[in-house]
């Protein structure tokens, strides 16, 4: 899994590429706890996300829980396959989600946002940061 991180002040954008499965979840949870410190505006871009397991859903729930306390979170560029997973599991009721076409689904009133420039690229492989 590849994560491209862009930070501007207290805004953070994470562009995820690849798969969120049971082998990645523990390291991704740990990484997010570190990255979300002091963040008031979080954007997660799933434009290049291929797969999301049920364990991976917990990562989004935990991130939303953290951001409810310290700011706002949006998930953007969600493809149809991942949007279906969010819908079936009720995550459109707890997340602010934008489809790949920009259609807003879920709670909240925020604009879509975008991840335009990258600063740092992180790789996770089977639960280890590379």
Protein backbone atom coordinates (compact mmCIF):
# COMPACT_ATOMS: atom_id res chain seq x y z
CA UNK A 1 0.00 0.00 0.00
CA UNK A 2 1.23 3.47 -0.87
CA UNK A 3 0.24 6.59 1.09
CA UNK A 4 0.99 10.05 -0.25
CA UNK A 5 0.83 12.63 2.52
CA UNK A 6 0.28 16.36 1.97
CA UNK A 7 0.17 18.70 4.96
CA UNK A 8 -0.57 22.42 4.99
CA UNK A 9 -0.84 23.91 8.47
CA UNK A 10 -3.45 21.88 10.33
CA UNK A 11 -4.86 20.32 7.14
CA UNK A 12 -3.77 16.85 6.08
CA UNK A 13 -4.51 14.95 2.90
CA UNK A 14 -3.74 11.25 2.57
CA UNK A 15 -3.97 9.67 -0.88
CA UNK A 16 -4.15 5.89 -0.52
CA UNK A 17 -3.15 3.48 -3.28
CA UNK A 18 -3.56 -0.29 -3.21
CA UNK A 19 -5.35 -2.44 -0.66
CA UNK A 20 -6.44 -2.08 2.95
CA UNK A 21 -6.62 -5.64 4.22
CA UNK A 22 -5.96 -7.46 7.49
CA UNK A 23 -2.19 -7.48 6.94
CA UNK A 24 -2.01 -3.67 6.63
CA UNK A 25 -4.58 -2.55 9.22
CA UNK A 26 -2.44 -2.66 12.41
CA UNK A 27 0.37 -0.57 10.92
CA UNK A 28 -2.08 1.79 9.21
CA UNK A 29 -3.91 2.38 12.51
CA UNK A 30 -0.62 3.14 14.24
CA UNK A 31 0.47 5.48 11.46
CA UNK A 32 -2.85 7.36 11.46
CA UNK A 33 -2.66 7.94 15.21
CA UNK A 34 0.71 9.62 14.68
CA UNK A 35 -0.35 11.61 11.61
CA UNK A 36 -3.67 12.92 13.01
CA UNK A 37 -2.08 14.68 15.98
CA UNK A 38 -2.95 18.38 15.63
CA UNK A 39 -4.94 17.93 12.41
CA UNK A 40 -8.21 19.88 12.15
CA UNK A 41 -9.07 19.09 8.52
CA UNK A 42 -8.48 15.58 7.13
CA UNK A 43 -9.05 14.51 3.53
CA UNK A 44 -8.59 10.86 2.53
CA UNK A 45 -8.36 10.35 -1.23
CA UNK A 46 -9.29 6.84 -2.39
CA UNK A 47 -8.87 7.48 -6.12
CA UNK A 48 -6.37 4.58 -6.39
CA UNK A 49 -7.77 2.28 -3.71
CA UNK A 50 -8.35 -1.24 -5.04
CA UNK A 51 -9.71 -3.12 -2.04
CA UNK A 52 -11.10 -2.48 1.43
CA UNK A 53 -11.65 -5.32 3.89
CA UNK A 54 -14.04 -5.27 6.83
CA UNK A 55 -11.00 -4.76 9.08
CA UNK A 56 -10.12 -1.76 6.94
CA UNK A 57 -13.50 -0.20 7.71
CA UNK A 58 -12.39 0.07 11.34
CA UNK A 59 -9.55 2.35 10.24
CA UNK A 60 -12.10 4.81 8.80
CA UNK A 61 -14.33 4.56 11.88
CA UNK A 62 -11.39 5.26 14.21
CA UNK A 63 -10.18 8.17 12.08
CA UNK A 64 -13.69 9.65 12.05
CA UNK A 65 -13.95 9.26 15.82
CA UNK A 66 -10.66 11.13 16.26
CA UNK A 67 -11.64 13.85 13.81
CA UNK A 68 -15.04 14.34 15.49
CA UNK A 69 -13.05 15.55 18.51
CA UNK A 70 -10.56 17.76 16.71
CA UNK A 71 -12.00 18.85 13.38
CA UNK A 72 -13.47 17.49 10.17
CA UNK A 73 -12.86 14.50 7.87
CA UNK A 74 -13.91 13.81 4.29
CA UNK A 75 -13.29 10.80 2.03
CA UNK A 76 -13.02 11.67 -1.65
CA UNK A 77 -12.81 9.99 -5.07
CA UNK A 78 -14.46 6.81 -3.80
CA UNK A 79 -14.94 4.29 -6.62
CA UNK A 80 -18.19 2.34 -7.01
CA UNK A 81 -16.84 -0.86 -5.45
CA UNK A 82 -15.62 0.84 -2.26
CA UNK A 83 -18.72 3.07 -2.13
CA UNK A 84 -20.84 -0.09 -2.09
CA UNK A 85 -18.83 -1.38 0.89
CA UNK A 86 -19.39 1.94 2.70
CA UNK A 87 -23.12 1.86 1.89
CA UNK A 88 -23.76 -1.78 2.85
CA UNK A 89 -21.96 -1.30 6.17
CA UNK A 90 -23.68 2.00 7.01
CA UNK A 91 -20.53 4.10 6.72
CA UNK A 92 -22.22 6.70 4.53
CA UNK A 93 -24.17 7.60 7.68
CA UNK A 94 -21.03 8.36 9.70
CA UNK A 95 -18.57 9.63 7.04
CA UNK A 96 -18.67 12.51 4.58
CA UNK A 97 -18.01 10.69 1.32
CA UNK A 98 -17.64 11.91 -2.25
CA UNK A 99 -17.79 9.52 -5.19
CA UNK A 100 -15.28 9.58 -8.03
CA UNK A 101 -17.65 11.89 -9.93
CA UNK A 102 -17.82 14.34 -7.02
CA UNK A 103 -21.31 13.33 -5.85
CA UNK A 104 -21.63 13.85 -2.09
CA UNK A 105 -22.98 10.98 -0.02
CA UNK A 106 -23.12 10.68 3.71
CA UNK A 107 -23.21 13.22 6.49
CA UNK A 108 -21.74 16.68 6.71
CA UNK A 109 -21.75 19.77 4.57
CA UNK A 110 -18.09 20.20 3.65
CA UNK A 111 -16.84 20.67 0.14
CA UNK A 112 -15.04 17.87 -1.60
CA UNK A 113 -11.47 19.07 -1.24
CA UNK A 114 -8.59 17.50 -3.12
CA UNK A 115 -5.02 16.27 -2.75
CA UNK A 116 -3.06 18.22 -5.32
CA UNK A 117 0.57 18.21 -4.25
CA UNK A 118 2.52 15.54 -2.47
CA UNK A 119 5.18 15.98 0.16
CA UNK A 120 5.84 12.55 1.58
CA UNK A 121 5.26 9.06 0.23
CA UNK A 122 4.96 6.19 2.70
CA UNK A 123 4.71 2.50 1.91
CA UNK A 124 3.12 -0.21 4.04
CA UNK A 125 3.72 -3.84 3.18
CA UNK A 126 2.13 -6.66 5.12
CA UNK A 127 2.02 -4.72 8.32
CA UNK A 128 5.49 -3.16 8.04
CA UNK A 129 6.43 0.37 7.07
CA UNK A 130 8.98 0.40 4.26
